[in-house]
Amino acid sequence: MVRDRQARIPRIRQQIEQITRLFADYVIVIVENDSKDGTRRELIRWAQDKKVAGRVHVIGCGNKVNDDRPCNLSLARTAPNHRRINQFIFNLFPLKL
């Protein structure tokens, strides 16, 4: 989950893309919540880059993926709830066995 980190997106992207070179296949899911500084716009730009070809997904409000409209999940800052995050992700991206 990320909020108001627009200035850090290039560095985060560089680090993540460096790590993903180690894998034959990968998907990156980023949850953005109510950024005021253009973070969502930068993340969507990354997701739309042909170099990552559908591997980066920005989620937030509803079931919209890579939707550039502002999103306010009305979530207070808390410690990560991994069960809730996993459930949200697997509902959007079910495993195909």
PDB file of N, CA and C in Angstrom:
ATOM      1  N   MET A   1       0.858  -1.165   0.000  1.00  0.00           N
ATOM      2  CA  MET A   1       0.000   0.000   0.000  1.00  0.00           C
ATOM      3  C   MET A   1       0.905   1.230   0.000  1.00  0.00           C
ATOM      4  N   VAL A   2       0.511   2.215  -0.776  1.00  0.00           N
ATOM      5  CA  VAL A   2       1.324   3.422  -0.895  1.00  0.00           C
ATOM      6  C   VAL A   2       0.421   4.654  -0.904  1.00  0.00           C
ATOM      7  N   ARG A   3       0.928   5.701  -0.289  1.00  0.00           N
ATOM      8  CA  ARG A   3       0.210   6.982  -0.277  1.00  0.00           C
ATOM      9  C   ARG A   3       1.238   8.109  -0.260  1.00  0.00           C
ATOM     10  N   ASP A   4       1.023   9.080  -1.135  1.00  0.00           N
ATOM     11  CA  ASP A   4       1.841  10.304  -1.185  1.00  0.00           C
ATOM     12  C   ASP A   4       3.344  10.018  -1.253  1.00  0.00           C
ATOM     13  N   ARG A   5       3.747   9.253  -2.258  1.00  0.00           N
ATOM     14  CA  ARG A   5       5.160   8.920  -2.461  1.00  0.00           C
ATOM     15  C   ARG A   5       5.598   9.180  -3.899  1.00  0.00           C
ATOM     16  N   GLN A   6       4.982  10.149  -4.566  1.00  0.00           N
ATOM     17  CA  GLN A   6       5.275  10.429  -5.969  1.00  0.00           C
ATOM     18  C   GLN A   6       6.768  10.604  -6.223  1.00  0.00           C
ATOM     19  N   ALA A   7       7.445  11.360  -5.393  1.00  0.00           N
ATOM     20  CA  ALA A   7       8.868  11.631  -5.608  1.00  0.00           C
ATOM     21  C   ALA A   7       9.719  10.366  -5.512  1.00  0.00           C
ATOM     22  N   ARG A   8       9.221   9.356  -4.819  1.00  0.00           N
ATOM     23  CA  ARG A   8       9.992   8.121  -4.642  1.00  0.00           C
ATOM     24  C   ARG A   8       9.673   7.040  -5.671  1.00  0.00           C
ATOM     25  N   ILE A   9       8.646   7.240  -6.471  1.00  0.00           N
ATOM     26  CA  ILE A   9       8.235   6.209  -7.435  1.00  0.00           C
ATOM     27  C   ILE A   9       9.381   5.813  -8.377  1.00  0.00           C
ATOM     28  N   PRO A  10      10.142   6.750  -8.964  1.00  0.00           N
ATOM     29  CA  PRO A  10      11.221   6.318  -9.863  1.00  0.00           C
ATOM     30  C   PRO A  10      12.219   5.370  -9.192  1.00  0.00           C
ATOM     31  N   ARG A  11      12.587   5.657  -7.962  1.00  0.00           N
ATOM     32  CA  ARG A  11      13.542   4.787  -7.252  1.00  0.00           C
ATOM     33  C   ARG A  11      12.903   3.439  -6.905  1.00  0.00           C
ATOM     34  N   ILE A  12      11.667   3.475  -6.435  1.00  0.00           N
ATOM     35  CA  ILE A  12      10.948   2.233  -6.129  1.00  0.00           C
ATOM     36  C   ILE A  12      10.837   1.380  -7.383  1.00  0.00           C
ATOM     37  N   ARG A  13      10.478   2.020  -8.486  1.00  0.00           N
ATOM     38  CA  ARG A  13      10.350   1.305  -9.756  1.00  0.00           C
ATOM     39  C   ARG A  13      11.683   0.668 -10.156  1.00  0.00           C
ATOM     40  N   GLN A  14      12.746   1.439 -10.051  1.00  0.00           N
ATOM     41  CA  GLN A  14      14.071   0.928 -10.413  1.00  0.00           C
ATOM     42  C   GLN A  14      14.421  -0.303  -9.577  1.00  0.00           C
ATOM     43  N   GLN A  15      14.179  -0.231  -8.288  1.00  0.00           N
ATOM     44  CA  GLN A  15      14.502  -1.350  -7.407  1.00  0.00           C
ATOM     45  C   GLN A  15      13.652  -2.580  -7.726  1.00  0.00           C
ATOM     46  N   ILE A  16      12.366  -2.377  -7.923  1.00  0.00           N
ATOM     47  CA  ILE A  16      11.483  -3.506  -8.216  1.00  0.00           C
ATOM     48  C   ILE A  16      11.831  -4.127  -9.562  1.00  0.00           C
ATOM     49  N   GLU A  17      12.063  -3.300 -10.571  1.00  0.00           N
ATOM     50  CA  GLU A  17      12.390  -3.852 -11.889  1.00  0.00           C
ATOM     51  C   GLU A  17      13.731  -4.583 -11.873  1.00  0.00           C
ATOM     52  N   GLN A  18      14.628  -4.157 -11.029  1.00  0.00           N
ATOM     53  CA  GLN A  18      15.906  -4.862 -10.890  1.00  0.00           C
ATOM     54  C   GLN A  18      15.674  -6.255 -10.295  1.00  0.00           C
ATOM     55  N   ILE A  19      14.827  -6.344  -9.299  1.00  0.00           N
ATOM     56  CA  ILE A  19      14.516  -7.631  -8.670  1.00  0.00           C
ATOM     57  C   ILE A  19      13.772  -8.547  -9.636  1.00  0.00           C
ATOM     58  N   THR A  20      12.839  -7.992 -10.414  1.00  0.00           N
ATOM     59  CA  THR A  20      12.022  -8.841 -11.293  1.00  0.00           C
ATOM     60  C   THR A  20      12.828  -9.491 -12.407  1.00  0.00           C
ATOM     61  N   ARG A  21      14.001  -8.975 -12.689  1.00  0.00           N
ATOM     62  CA  ARG A  21      14.853  -9.613 -13.704  1.00  0.00           C
ATOM     63  C   ARG A  21      15.271 -11.020 -13.289  1.00  0.00           C
ATOM     64  N   LEU A  22      15.151 -11.321 -12.026  1.00  0.00           N
ATOM     65  CA  LEU A  22      15.519 -12.643 -11.518  1.00  0.00           C
ATOM     66  C   LEU A  22      14.444 -13.697 -11.789  1.00  0.00           C
ATOM     67  N   PHE A  23      13.278 -13.276 -12.254  1.00  0.00           N
ATOM     68  CA  PHE A  23      12.144 -14.181 -12.416  1.00  0.00           C
ATOM     69  C   PHE A  23      11.709 -14.269 -13.871  1.00  0.00           C
ATOM     70  N   ALA A  24      11.290 -15.460 -14.278  1.00  0.00           N
ATOM     71  CA  ALA A  24      10.780 -15.643 -15.634  1.00  0.00           C
ATOM     72  C   ALA A  24       9.408 -14.985 -15.780  1.00  0.00           C
ATOM     73  N   ASP A  25       8.631 -14.996 -14.722  1.00  0.00           N
ATOM     74  CA  ASP A  25       7.289 -14.420 -14.764  1.00  0.00           C
ATOM     75  C   ASP A  25       7.001 -13.785 -13.404  1.00  0.00           C
ATOM     76  N   TYR A  26       6.244 -12.726 -13.412  1.00  0.00           N
ATOM     77  CA  TYR A  26       5.911 -12.033 -12.169  1.00  0.00           C
ATOM     78  C   TYR A  26       4.711 -11.130 -12.398  1.00  0.00           C
ATOM     79  N   VAL A  27       4.076 -10.737 -11.299  1.00  0.00           N
ATOM     80  CA  VAL A  27       3.013  -9.731 -11.299  1.00  0.00           C
ATOM     81  C   VAL A  27       3.247  -8.852 -10.078  1.00  0.00           C
ATOM     82  N   ILE A  28       3.085  -7.565 -10.258  1.00  0.00           N
ATOM     83  CA  ILE A  28       3.220  -6.612  -9.160  1.00  0.00           C
ATOM     84  C   ILE A  28       1.850  -5.979  -8.936  1.00  0.00           C
ATOM     85  N   VAL A  29       1.361  -6.049  -7.706  1.00  0.00           N
ATOM     86  CA  VAL A  29       0.079  -5.441  -7.348  1.00  0.00           C
ATOM     87  C   VAL A  29       0.365  -4.348  -6.326  1.00  0.00           C
ATOM     88  N   ILE A  30      -0.039  -3.126  -6.663  1.00  0.00           N
ATOM     89  CA  ILE A  30       0.189  -1.974  -5.790  1.00  0.00           C
ATOM     90  C   ILE A  30      -1.170  -1.420  -5.383  1.00  0.00           C
ATOM     91  N   VAL A  31      -1.384  -1.259  -4.090  1.00  0.00           N
ATOM     92  CA  VAL A  31      -2.613  -0.655  -3.585  1.00  0.00           C
ATOM     93  C   VAL A  31      -2.291   0.797  -3.259  1.00  0.00           C
ATOM     94  N   GLU A  32      -2.982   1.715  -3.929  1.00  0.00           N
ATOM     95  CA  GLU A  32      -2.789   3.155  -3.706  1.00  0.00           C
ATOM     96  C   GLU A  32      -4.027   3.686  -3.017  1.00  0.00           C
ATOM     97  N   ASN A  33      -3.833   4.518  -1.994  1.00  0.00           N
ATOM     98  CA  ASN A  33      -4.953   5.001  -1.206  1.00  0.00           C
ATOM     99  C   ASN A  33      -4.881   6.509  -1.008  1.00  0.00           C
ATOM    100  N   ASP A  34      -5.678   7.246  -1.771  1.00  0.00           N
ATOM    101  CA  ASP A  34      -5.952   8.663  -1.507  1.00  0.00           C
ATOM    102  C   ASP A  34      -4.719   9.567  -1.515  1.00  0.00           C
ATOM    103  N   SER A  35      -3.792   9.340  -2.422  1.00  0.00           N
ATOM    104  CA  SER A  35      -2.620  10.223  -2.518  1.00  0.00           C
ATOM    105  C   SER A  35      -3.037  11.597  -3.017  1.00  0.00           C
ATOM    106  N   LYS A  36      -2.384  12.613  -2.503  1.00  0.00           N
ATOM    107  CA  LYS A  36      -2.675  13.996  -2.893  1.00  0.00           C
ATOM    108  C   LYS A  36      -1.599  14.568  -3.808  1.00  0.00           C
ATOM    109  N   ASP A  37      -0.515  13.834  -4.025  1.00  0.00           N
ATOM    110  CA  ASP A  37       0.654  14.393  -4.711  1.00  0.00           C
ATOM    111  C   ASP A  37       0.918  13.818  -6.107  1.00  0.00           C
ATOM    112  N   GLY A  38       0.006  13.087  -6.677  1.00  0.00           N
ATOM    113  CA  GLY A  38       0.234  12.528  -8.009  1.00  0.00           C
ATOM    114  C   GLY A  38       0.803  11.122  -7.999  1.00  0.00           C
ATOM    115  N   THR A  39       0.867  10.500  -6.837  1.00  0.00           N
ATOM    116  CA  THR A  39       1.385   9.132  -6.739  1.00  0.00           C
ATOM    117  C   THR A  39       0.605   8.190  -7.647  1.00  0.00           C
ATOM    118  N   ARG A  40      -0.713   8.249  -7.581  1.00  0.00           N
ATOM    119  CA  ARG A  40      -1.546   7.348  -8.392  1.00  0.00           C
ATOM    120  C   ARG A  40      -1.246   7.537  -9.875  1.00  0.00           C
ATOM    121  N   ARG A  41      -1.144   8.773 -10.318  1.00  0.00           N
ATOM    122  CA  ARG A  41      -0.854   9.065 -11.725  1.00  0.00           C
ATOM    123  C   ARG A  41       0.481   8.442 -12.150  1.00  0.00           C
ATOM    124  N   GLU A  42       1.511   8.565 -11.305  1.00  0.00           N
ATOM    125  CA  GLU A  42       2.824   7.983 -11.613  1.00  0.00           C
ATOM    126  C   GLU A  42       2.767   6.462 -11.645  1.00  0.00           C
ATOM    127  N   LEU A  43       2.025   5.873 -10.721  1.00  0.00           N
ATOM    128  CA  LEU A  43       1.893   4.415 -10.702  1.00  0.00           C
ATOM    129  C   LEU A  43       1.158   3.913 -11.941  1.00  0.00           C
ATOM    130  N   ILE A  44       0.108   4.618 -12.349  1.00  0.00           N
ATOM    131  CA  ILE A  44      -0.634   4.240 -13.560  1.00  0.00           C
ATOM    132  C   ILE A  44       0.272   4.363 -14.776  1.00  0.00           C
ATOM    133  N   ARG A  45       1.066   5.414 -14.834  1.00  0.00           N
ATOM    134  CA  ARG A  45       2.007   5.588 -15.945  1.00  0.00           C
ATOM    135  C   ARG A  45       2.960   4.388 -16.025  1.00  0.00           C
ATOM    136  N   TRP A  46       3.439   3.944 -14.872  1.00  0.00           N
ATOM    137  CA  TRP A  46       4.311   2.766 -14.822  1.00  0.00           C
ATOM    138  C   TRP A  46       3.555   1.530 -15.319  1.00  0.00           C
ATOM    139  N   ALA A  47       2.331   1.350 -14.835  1.00  0.00           N
ATOM    140  CA  ALA A  47       1.533   0.180 -15.224  1.00  0.00           C
ATOM    141  C   ALA A  47       1.255   0.159 -16.724  1.00  0.00           C
ATOM    142  N   GLN A  48       1.179   1.322 -17.347  1.00  0.00           N
ATOM    143  CA  GLN A  48       0.881   1.403 -18.779  1.00  0.00           C
ATOM    144  C   GLN A  48       2.124   1.332 -19.658  1.00  0.00           C
ATOM    145  N   ASP A  49       3.294   1.311 -19.058  1.00  0.00           N
ATOM    146  CA  ASP A  49       4.550   1.236 -19.807  1.00  0.00           C
ATOM    147  C   ASP A  49       4.660  -0.123 -20.506  1.00  0.00           C
ATOM    148  N   LYS A  50       4.954  -0.113 -21.788  1.00  0.00           N
ATOM    149  CA  LYS A  50       5.037  -1.353 -22.564  1.00  0.00           C
ATOM    150  C   LYS A  50       6.126  -2.290 -22.053  1.00  0.00           C
ATOM    151  N   LYS A  51       7.124  -1.759 -21.356  1.00  0.00           N
ATOM    152  CA  LYS A  51       8.204  -2.602 -20.828  1.00  0.00           C
ATOM    153  C   LYS A  51       7.708  -3.581 -19.764  1.00  0.00           C
ATOM    154  N   VAL A  52       6.644  -3.222 -19.063  1.00  0.00           N
ATOM    155  CA  VAL A  52       6.120  -4.119 -18.031  1.00  0.00           C
ATOM    156  C   VAL A  52       4.879  -4.874 -18.502  1.00  0.00           C
ATOM    157  N   ALA A  53       4.415  -4.574 -19.689  1.00  0.00           N
ATOM    158  CA  ALA A  53       3.379  -5.330 -20.417  1.00  0.00           C
ATOM    159  C   ALA A  53       2.346  -6.058 -19.553  1.00  0.00           C
ATOM    160  N   GLY A  54       1.554  -5.312 -18.804  1.00  0.00           N
ATOM    161  CA  GLY A  54       0.466  -5.915 -18.037  1.00  0.00           C
ATOM    162  C   GLY A  54       0.892  -6.627 -16.770  1.00  0.00           C
ATOM    163  N   ARG A  55       2.098  -6.409 -16.329  1.00  0.00           N
ATOM    164  CA  ARG A  55       2.580  -7.081 -15.113  1.00  0.00           C
ATOM    165  C   ARG A  55       2.416  -6.216 -13.863  1.00  0.00           C
ATOM    166  N   VAL A  56       2.200  -4.920 -14.030  1.00  0.00           N
ATOM    167  CA  VAL A  56       2.026  -4.011 -12.897  1.00  0.00           C
ATOM    168  C   VAL A  56       0.558  -3.604 -12.845  1.00  0.00           C
ATOM    169  N   HIS A  57      -0.056  -3.801 -11.685  1.00  0.00           N
ATOM    170  CA  HIS A  57      -1.472  -3.495 -11.505  1.00  0.00           C
ATOM    171  C   HIS A  57      -1.630  -2.579 -10.300  1.00  0.00           C
ATOM    172  N   VAL A  58      -2.307  -1.467 -10.504  1.00  0.00           N
ATOM    173  CA  VAL A  58      -2.576  -0.515  -9.429  1.00  0.00           C
ATOM    174  C   VAL A  58      -4.045  -0.658  -9.076  1.00  0.00           C
ATOM    175  N   ILE A  59      -4.312  -0.982  -7.825  1.00  0.00           N
ATOM    176  CA  ILE A  59      -5.693  -1.158  -7.396  1.00  0.00           C
ATOM    177  C   ILE A  59      -5.992  -0.196  -6.266  1.00  0.00           C
ATOM    178  N   GLY A  60      -7.272  -0.001  -6.031  1.00  0.00           N
ATOM    179  CA  GLY A  60      -7.693   0.909  -4.978  1.00  0.00           C
ATOM    180  C   GLY A  60      -9.174   0.776  -4.759  1.00  0.00           C
ATOM    181  N   CYS A  61      -9.948   1.632  -5.369  1.00  0.00           N
ATOM    182  CA  CYS A  61     -11.389   1.648  -5.161  1.00  0.00           C
ATOM    183  C   CYS A  61     -12.088   0.620  -6.039  1.00  0.00           C
ATOM    184  N   GLY A  62     -13.014  -0.107  -5.460  1.00  0.00           N
ATOM    185  CA  GLY A  62     -13.789  -1.070  -6.235  1.00  0.00           C
ATOM    186  C   GLY A  62     -12.913  -2.132  -6.863  1.00  0.00           C
ATOM    187  N   ASN A  63     -13.346  -2.628  -7.997  1.00  0.00           N
ATOM    188  CA  ASN A  63     -12.596  -3.652  -8.714  1.00  0.00           C
ATOM    189  C   ASN A  63     -11.910  -3.080  -9.937  1.00  0.00           C
ATOM    190  N   LYS A  64     -11.663  -1.805  -9.948  1.00  0.00           N
ATOM    191  CA  LYS A  64     -11.007  -1.155 -11.079  1.00  0.00           C
ATOM    192  C   LYS A  64      -9.499  -1.335 -10.962  1.00  0.00           C
ATOM    193  N   VAL A  65      -8.888  -1.816 -12.030  1.00  0.00           N
ATOM    194  CA  VAL A  65      -7.439  -1.993 -12.070  1.00  0.00           C
ATOM    195  C   VAL A  65      -6.878  -0.934 -12.999  1.00  0.00           C
ATOM    196  N   ASN A  66      -5.828  -0.264 -12.566  1.00  0.00           N
ATOM    197  CA  ASN A  66      -5.168   0.789 -13.341  1.00  0.00           C
ATOM    198  C   ASN A  66      -6.128   1.912 -13.733  1.00  0.00           C
ATOM    199  N   ASP A  67      -7.028   2.242 -12.826  1.00  0.00           N
ATOM    200  CA  ASP A  67      -7.971   3.344 -13.018  1.00  0.00           C
ATOM    201  C   ASP A  67      -7.323   4.613 -12.465  1.00  0.00           C
ATOM    202  N   ASP A  68      -7.204   5.643 -13.298  1.00  0.00           N
ATOM    203  CA  ASP A  68      -6.483   6.841 -12.864  1.00  0.00           C
ATOM    204  C   ASP A  68      -7.342   7.852 -12.105  1.00  0.00           C
ATOM    205  N   ARG A  69      -8.611   7.543 -11.873  1.00  0.00           N
ATOM    206  CA  ARG A  69      -9.442   8.458 -11.084  1.00  0.00           C
ATOM    207  C   ARG A  69      -8.999   8.434  -9.621  1.00  0.00           C
ATOM    208  N   PRO A  70      -9.151   9.554  -8.902  1.00  0.00           N
ATOM    209  CA  PRO A  70      -8.764   9.587  -7.490  1.00  0.00           C
ATOM    210  C   PRO A  70      -9.475   8.489  -6.703  1.00  0.00           C
ATOM    211  N   CYS A  71      -8.792   7.990  -5.702  1.00  0.00           N
ATOM    212  CA  CYS A  71      -9.337   6.894  -4.910  1.00  0.00           C
ATOM    213  C   CYS A  71      -9.141   7.179  -3.435  1.00  0.00           C
ATOM    214  N   ASN A  72     -10.208   7.102  -2.669  1.00  0.00           N
ATOM    215  CA  ASN A  72     -10.118   7.230  -1.222  1.00  0.00           C
ATOM    216  C   ASN A  72     -10.778   6.010  -0.615  1.00  0.00           C
ATOM    217  N   LEU A  73      -9.966   5.108  -0.100  1.00  0.00           N
ATOM    218  CA  LEU A  73     -10.484   3.892   0.517  1.00  0.00           C
ATOM    219  C   LEU A  73     -10.987   4.141   1.932  1.00  0.00           C
ATOM    220  N   SER A  74     -10.784   5.351   2.440  1.00  0.00           N
ATOM    221  CA  SER A  74     -11.164   5.715   3.808  1.00  0.00           C
ATOM    222  C   SER A  74     -10.539   4.770   4.820  1.00  0.00           C
ATOM    223  N   LEU A  75      -9.304   4.384   4.553  1.00  0.00           N
ATOM    224  CA  LEU A  75      -8.601   3.494   5.464  1.00  0.00           C
ATOM    225  C   LEU A  75      -7.644   4.297   6.323  1.00  0.00           C
ATOM    226  N   ALA A  76      -7.760   4.115   7.600  1.00  0.00           N
ATOM    227  CA  ALA A  76      -6.813   4.756   8.507  1.00  0.00           C
ATOM    228  C   ALA A  76      -5.467   4.058   8.385  1.00  0.00           C
ATOM    229  N   ARG A  77      -4.425   4.769   8.696  1.00  0.00           N
ATOM    230  CA  ARG A  77      -3.084   4.176   8.664  1.00  0.00           C
ATOM    231  C   ARG A  77      -2.996   3.124   9.766  1.00  0.00           C
ATOM    232  N   THR A  78      -2.699   1.904   9.372  1.00  0.00           N
ATOM    233  CA  THR A  78      -2.611   0.792  10.316  1.00  0.00           C
ATOM    234  C   THR A  78      -1.468  -0.119   9.918  1.00  0.00           C
ATOM    235  N   ALA A  79      -1.212  -1.073  10.766  1.00  0.00           N
ATOM    236  CA  ALA A  79      -0.251  -2.115  10.405  1.00  0.00           C
ATOM    237  C   ALA A  79      -0.890  -2.962   9.305  1.00  0.00           C
ATOM    238  N   PRO A  80      -0.090  -3.542   8.415  1.00  0.00           N
ATOM    239  CA  PRO A  80      -0.645  -4.343   7.325  1.00  0.00           C
ATOM    240  C   PRO A  80      -1.458  -5.526   7.848  1.00  0.00           C
ATOM    241  N   ASN A  81      -2.596  -5.748   7.248  1.00  0.00           N
ATOM    242  CA  ASN A  81      -3.415  -6.921   7.536  1.00  0.00           C
ATOM    243  C   ASN A  81      -3.245  -7.847   6.343  1.00  0.00           C
ATOM    244  N   HIS A  82      -2.288  -8.746   6.424  1.00  0.00           N
ATOM    245  CA  HIS A  82      -1.925  -9.571   5.279  1.00  0.00           C
ATOM    246  C   HIS A  82      -3.069 -10.460   4.801  1.00  0.00           C
ATOM    247  N   ARG A  83      -3.890 -10.957   5.711  1.00  0.00           N
ATOM    248  CA  ARG A  83      -5.023 -11.786   5.298  1.00  0.00           C
ATOM    249  C   ARG A  83      -5.991 -10.982   4.430  1.00  0.00           C
ATOM    250  N   ARG A  84      -6.285  -9.756   4.849  1.00  0.00           N
ATOM    251  CA  ARG A  84      -7.202  -8.896   4.092  1.00  0.00           C
ATOM    252  C   ARG A  84      -6.604  -8.533   2.736  1.00  0.00           C
ATOM    253  N   ILE A  85      -5.306  -8.223   2.715  1.00  0.00           N
ATOM    254  CA  ILE A  85      -4.639  -7.876   1.459  1.00  0.00           C
ATOM    255  C   ILE A  85      -4.643  -9.063   0.508  1.00  0.00           C
ATOM    256  N   ASN A  86      -4.300 -10.254   1.015  1.00  0.00           N
ATOM    257  CA  ASN A  86      -4.305 -11.454   0.170  1.00  0.00           C
ATOM    258  C   ASN A  86      -5.687 -11.735  -0.394  1.00  0.00           C
ATOM    259  N   GLN A  87      -6.713 -11.619   0.438  1.00  0.00           N
ATOM    260  CA  GLN A  87      -8.076 -11.862  -0.028  1.00  0.00           C
ATOM    261  C   GLN A  87      -8.453 -10.868  -1.127  1.00  0.00           C
ATOM    262  N   PHE A  88      -8.119  -9.602  -0.948  1.00  0.00           N
ATOM    263  CA  PHE A  88      -8.422  -8.574  -1.935  1.00  0.00           C
ATOM    264  C   PHE A  88      -7.733  -8.881  -3.263  1.00  0.00           C
ATOM    265  N   ILE A  89      -6.452  -9.245  -3.194  1.00  0.00           N
ATOM    266  CA  ILE A  89      -5.686  -9.528  -4.406  1.00  0.00           C
ATOM    267  C   ILE A  89      -6.218 -10.766  -5.113  1.00  0.00           C
ATOM    268  N   PHE A  90      -6.472 -11.844  -4.374  1.00  0.00           N
ATOM    269  CA  PHE A  90      -6.928 -13.074  -5.010  1.00  0.00           C
ATOM    270  C   PHE A  90      -8.347 -12.952  -5.560  1.00  0.00           C
ATOM    271  N   ASN A  91      -9.149 -12.041  -5.015  1.00  0.00           N
ATOM    272  CA  ASN A  91     -10.462 -11.784  -5.611  1.00  0.00           C
ATOM    273  C   ASN A  91     -10.319 -11.089  -6.957  1.00  0.00           C
ATOM    274  N   LEU A  92      -9.327 -10.210  -7.088  1.00  0.00           N
ATOM    275  CA  LEU A  92      -9.107  -9.501  -8.348  1.00  0.00           C
ATOM    276  C   LEU A  92      -8.341 -10.338  -9.360  1.00  0.00           C
ATOM    277  N   PHE A  93      -7.409 -11.152  -8.872  1.00  0.00           N
ATOM    278  CA  PHE A  93      -6.530 -11.935  -9.748  1.00  0.00           C
ATOM    279  C   PHE A  93      -6.557 -13.403  -9.323  1.00  0.00           C
ATOM    280  N   PRO A  94      -7.657 -14.122  -9.611  1.00  0.00           N
ATOM    281  CA  PRO A  94      -7.737 -15.525  -9.184  1.00  0.00           C
ATOM    282  C   PRO A  94      -6.644 -16.367  -9.843  1.00  0.00           C
ATOM    283  N   LEU A  95      -6.181 -17.352  -9.096  1.00  0.00           N
ATOM    284  CA  LEU A  95      -5.163 -18.260  -9.625  1.00  0.00           C
ATOM    285  C   LEU A  95      -5.751 -19.102 -10.744  1.00  0.00           C
ATOM    286  N   LYS A  96      -4.995 -19.255 -11.788  1.00  0.00           N
ATOM    287  CA  LYS A  96      -5.417 -20.087 -12.917  1.00  0.00           C
ATOM    288  C   LYS A  96      -4.547 -21.329 -12.910  1.00  0.00           C
ATOM    289  N   LEU A  97      -5.113 -22.430 -12.459  1.00  0.00           N
ATOM    290  CA  LEU A  97      -4.353 -23.679 -12.378  1.00  0.00           C
ATOM    291  C   LEU A  97      -4.621 -24.562 -13.568  1.00  0.00           C
TER     292      LEU A  97
END
